Each structure stands twice: as structure tokens, then as C-alpha cells.
């Protein structure tokens, strides 16, 4: 049976799209009206931890994923 693990604020207004990057244990969330992208660490128990830093993204409404999409967290 599925059950709710936690409620986590999205970090902005109008959460629109998300991408779960399992190998990086990262959830990327686009908040359309806030014009930002927020990031969450995926813990082993399935809960999320908000990460510091918000990417400003005016007009963002989707999350590109795949080899051609560079990670904004890559250093």
C-alpha cells in the first residue's frame, strides 16, 4: 500500500514540472510563477531534503533531462 512520507514546500509558487534523477538521488522542481528551479536530495528512506540554492529561470515550465542537459549543480 502507498502512503504519504512527508510534505515538503516546493520553494516557489506554482510547482509545474519535476524530474527525478535516481542515479544522482536528486529531484529537480520547476516553480513556474516563482520563475525558479529548486533542488531536493532524495534520501534512502524516500524522503526529500531541500538543497541550498535556487536557480532563477524566467519562463521555465519544464525540466530538460538526459545527456544533453547539463546539471546546474555540477562543479
N, C-alpha and C. Protein backbone atom coordinates (compact mmCIF):
# COMPACT_ATOMS: atom_id res chain seq x y z
N UNK A 1 0.83 -1.17 0.00
CA UNK A 1 0.00 0.00 0.00
C UNK A 1 0.89 1.25 0.00
N UNK A 2 0.51 2.25 -0.75
CA UNK A 2 1.22 3.51 -0.82
C UNK A 2 0.78 4.42 0.32
N UNK A 3 1.75 5.12 0.92
CA UNK A 3 1.40 6.07 1.96
C UNK A 3 2.29 7.31 1.86
N UNK A 4 1.80 8.41 2.38
CA UNK A 4 2.50 9.68 2.33
C UNK A 4 3.66 9.67 3.32
N UNK A 5 4.86 9.97 2.85
CA UNK A 5 6.03 10.02 3.71
C UNK A 5 6.24 11.38 4.35
N UNK A 6 5.99 12.45 3.58
CA UNK A 6 6.21 13.79 4.11
C UNK A 6 5.60 14.83 3.16
N UNK A 7 5.43 16.03 3.67
CA UNK A 7 5.04 17.19 2.87
C UNK A 7 6.23 18.15 2.89
N UNK A 8 6.63 18.62 1.71
CA UNK A 8 7.79 19.50 1.60
C UNK A 8 7.40 20.70 0.75
N UNK A 9 7.63 21.93 1.22
CA UNK A 9 7.37 23.11 0.39
C UNK A 9 8.19 23.04 -0.90
N UNK A 10 7.60 23.52 -1.98
CA UNK A 10 8.26 23.43 -3.29
C UNK A 10 9.37 24.46 -3.48
N UNK A 11 9.37 25.49 -2.65
CA UNK A 11 10.38 26.52 -2.80
C UNK A 11 9.97 27.63 -3.75
N UNK A 12 8.71 27.63 -4.17
CA UNK A 12 8.22 28.67 -5.06
C UNK A 12 6.76 28.47 -5.39
N UNK A 13 6.18 29.46 -6.08
CA UNK A 13 4.76 29.43 -6.45
C UNK A 13 4.54 28.61 -7.72
N UNK A 14 3.47 27.88 -7.75
CA UNK A 14 3.02 27.12 -8.92
C UNK A 14 4.01 26.04 -9.36
N UNK A 15 4.27 25.04 -8.53
CA UNK A 15 5.11 23.92 -8.98
C UNK A 15 4.52 23.34 -10.26
N UNK A 16 5.33 23.21 -11.30
CA UNK A 16 4.80 22.86 -12.62
C UNK A 16 5.33 21.53 -13.15
N UNK A 17 6.61 21.30 -13.00
CA UNK A 17 7.22 20.10 -13.57
C UNK A 17 8.33 19.62 -12.65
N UNK A 18 8.57 18.32 -12.69
CA UNK A 18 9.66 17.78 -11.88
C UNK A 18 10.36 16.68 -12.64
N UNK A 19 11.60 16.45 -12.23
CA UNK A 19 12.38 15.35 -12.78
C UNK A 19 13.09 14.67 -11.62
N UNK A 20 12.98 13.36 -11.56
CA UNK A 20 13.67 12.57 -10.55
C UNK A 20 14.89 11.94 -11.22
N UNK A 21 16.07 12.34 -10.76
CA UNK A 21 17.32 11.80 -11.29
C UNK A 21 17.81 10.78 -10.28
N UNK A 22 17.38 9.54 -10.48
CA UNK A 22 17.64 8.49 -9.48
C UNK A 22 19.11 8.25 -9.22
N UNK A 23 19.93 8.19 -10.27
CA UNK A 23 21.34 7.89 -10.07
C UNK A 23 22.06 8.99 -9.27
N UNK A 24 21.56 10.24 -9.39
CA UNK A 24 22.13 11.35 -8.63
C UNK A 24 21.40 11.56 -7.31
N UNK A 25 20.30 10.80 -7.09
CA UNK A 25 19.46 10.93 -5.90
C UNK A 25 19.03 12.38 -5.73
N UNK A 26 18.47 12.94 -6.83
CA UNK A 26 18.12 14.35 -6.91
C UNK A 26 16.75 14.52 -7.54
N UNK A 27 15.94 15.41 -6.94
CA UNK A 27 14.67 15.81 -7.52
C UNK A 27 14.81 17.27 -7.93
N UNK A 28 14.48 17.57 -9.18
CA UNK A 28 14.54 18.93 -9.72
C UNK A 28 13.10 19.37 -9.94
N UNK A 29 12.75 20.57 -9.43
CA UNK A 29 11.37 21.04 -9.47
C UNK A 29 11.31 22.44 -10.05
N UNK A 30 10.47 22.63 -11.08
CA UNK A 30 10.25 23.95 -11.68
C UNK A 30 9.02 24.58 -11.04
N UNK A 31 9.18 25.79 -10.51
CA UNK A 31 8.08 26.58 -9.96
C UNK A 31 7.79 27.70 -10.95
N UNK A 32 6.75 27.52 -11.75
CA UNK A 32 6.51 28.41 -12.89
C UNK A 32 6.30 29.87 -12.50
N UNK A 33 5.37 30.17 -11.60
CA UNK A 33 5.08 31.57 -11.27
C UNK A 33 6.19 32.22 -10.45
N UNK A 34 6.97 31.43 -9.73
CA UNK A 34 8.11 31.97 -8.99
C UNK A 34 9.32 32.16 -9.91
N UNK A 35 9.23 31.62 -11.11
CA UNK A 35 10.31 31.70 -12.10
C UNK A 35 11.63 31.17 -11.52
N UNK A 36 11.54 29.97 -10.88
CA UNK A 36 12.75 29.39 -10.32
C UNK A 36 12.72 27.87 -10.42
N UNK A 37 13.88 27.29 -10.18
CA UNK A 37 14.05 25.84 -10.13
C UNK A 37 14.67 25.53 -8.78
N UNK A 38 14.08 24.57 -8.08
CA UNK A 38 14.61 24.19 -6.77
C UNK A 38 15.05 22.73 -6.82
N UNK A 39 15.90 22.35 -5.87
CA UNK A 39 16.52 21.03 -5.87
C UNK A 39 16.37 20.37 -4.51
N UNK A 40 16.17 19.06 -4.54
CA UNK A 40 15.98 18.29 -3.32
C UNK A 40 16.81 17.02 -3.39
N UNK A 41 17.48 16.69 -2.30
CA UNK A 41 18.18 15.42 -2.21
C UNK A 41 17.17 14.34 -1.87
N UNK A 42 17.27 13.20 -2.53
CA UNK A 42 16.41 12.05 -2.27
C UNK A 42 17.15 11.12 -1.31
N UNK A 43 16.63 11.00 -0.10
CA UNK A 43 17.27 10.15 0.90
C UNK A 43 16.88 8.69 0.68
N UNK A 44 17.64 7.79 1.27
CA UNK A 44 17.41 6.35 1.06
C UNK A 44 16.05 5.89 1.56
N UNK A 45 15.44 6.62 2.51
CA UNK A 45 14.11 6.24 3.00
C UNK A 45 12.98 6.82 2.15
N UNK A 46 13.34 7.53 1.06
CA UNK A 46 12.34 8.08 0.15
C UNK A 46 11.92 9.49 0.47
N UNK A 47 12.44 10.08 1.56
CA UNK A 47 12.09 11.45 1.90
C UNK A 47 13.02 12.42 1.17
N UNK A 48 12.61 13.69 1.14
CA UNK A 48 13.35 14.73 0.44
C UNK A 48 13.94 15.73 1.41
N UNK A 49 15.11 16.24 1.08
CA UNK A 49 15.74 17.31 1.83
C UNK A 49 16.01 18.45 0.87
N UNK A 50 15.43 19.66 1.12
CA UNK A 50 15.71 20.79 0.24
C UNK A 50 17.20 21.12 0.24
N UNK A 51 17.74 21.40 -0.94
CA UNK A 51 19.14 21.79 -1.06
C UNK A 51 19.24 23.31 -1.13
N UNK A 52 20.34 23.84 -0.64
CA UNK A 52 20.57 25.28 -0.71
C UNK A 52 20.70 25.71 -2.17
N UNK A 53 20.26 26.92 -2.44
CA UNK A 53 20.40 27.47 -3.78
C UNK A 53 19.15 27.29 -4.61
N UNK A 54 18.80 28.34 -5.30
CA UNK A 54 17.66 28.35 -6.21
C UNK A 54 18.14 28.90 -7.54
N UNK A 55 17.79 28.24 -8.60
CA UNK A 55 18.15 28.69 -9.94
C UNK A 55 17.03 29.57 -10.48
N UNK A 56 17.32 30.81 -10.80
CA UNK A 56 16.33 31.70 -11.41
C UNK A 56 16.13 31.27 -12.85
N UNK A 57 14.88 31.14 -13.26
CA UNK A 57 14.59 30.64 -14.60
C UNK A 57 13.29 31.25 -15.10
N UNK A 58 13.35 32.48 -15.56
CA UNK A 58 12.16 33.16 -16.07
C UNK A 58 11.56 32.38 -17.23
N UNK A 59 10.28 32.11 -17.15
CA UNK A 59 9.58 31.40 -18.22
C UNK A 59 9.74 29.90 -18.17
N UNK A 60 10.37 29.38 -17.14
CA UNK A 60 10.58 27.92 -17.04
C UNK A 60 9.25 27.21 -16.82
N UNK A 61 9.04 26.14 -17.58
CA UNK A 61 7.82 25.35 -17.42
C UNK A 61 8.10 23.86 -17.58
N UNK A 62 9.37 23.49 -17.79
CA UNK A 62 9.71 22.08 -17.94
C UNK A 62 11.12 21.85 -17.42
N UNK A 63 11.49 20.59 -17.30
CA UNK A 63 12.81 20.21 -16.81
C UNK A 63 13.48 19.33 -17.86
N UNK A 64 14.50 19.86 -18.57
CA UNK A 64 15.21 19.02 -19.54
C UNK A 64 16.08 18.00 -18.82
N UNK A 65 16.03 16.77 -19.28
CA UNK A 65 16.86 15.71 -18.70
C UNK A 65 17.52 14.93 -19.81
N UNK A 66 18.56 14.22 -19.47
CA UNK A 66 19.26 13.41 -20.46
C UNK A 66 20.68 13.88 -20.63
N UNK A 67 21.44 13.22 -21.51
CA UNK A 67 22.85 13.53 -21.70
C UNK A 67 23.11 14.97 -22.12
N UNK A 68 22.21 15.57 -22.87
CA UNK A 68 22.44 16.93 -23.38
C UNK A 68 22.14 17.99 -22.34
N UNK A 69 21.45 17.63 -21.24
CA UNK A 69 21.09 18.61 -20.22
C UNK A 69 22.17 18.64 -19.14
N UNK A 70 22.89 19.74 -19.07
CA UNK A 70 23.95 19.86 -18.06
C UNK A 70 23.35 20.12 -16.70
N UNK A 71 23.90 19.51 -15.68
CA UNK A 71 23.42 19.72 -14.31
C UNK A 71 23.88 21.07 -13.81
N UNK A 72 22.94 21.89 -13.29
CA UNK A 72 23.34 23.19 -12.75
C UNK A 72 24.13 23.04 -11.45
N UNK A 73 24.15 21.83 -10.88
CA UNK A 73 24.87 21.60 -9.64
C UNK A 73 26.26 21.05 -9.88
N UNK A 74 26.57 20.74 -11.14
CA UNK A 74 27.90 20.18 -11.45
C UNK A 74 28.96 21.25 -11.22
N UNK A 75 30.03 20.86 -10.62
CA UNK A 75 31.07 21.86 -10.31
C UNK A 75 32.26 21.60 -11.02
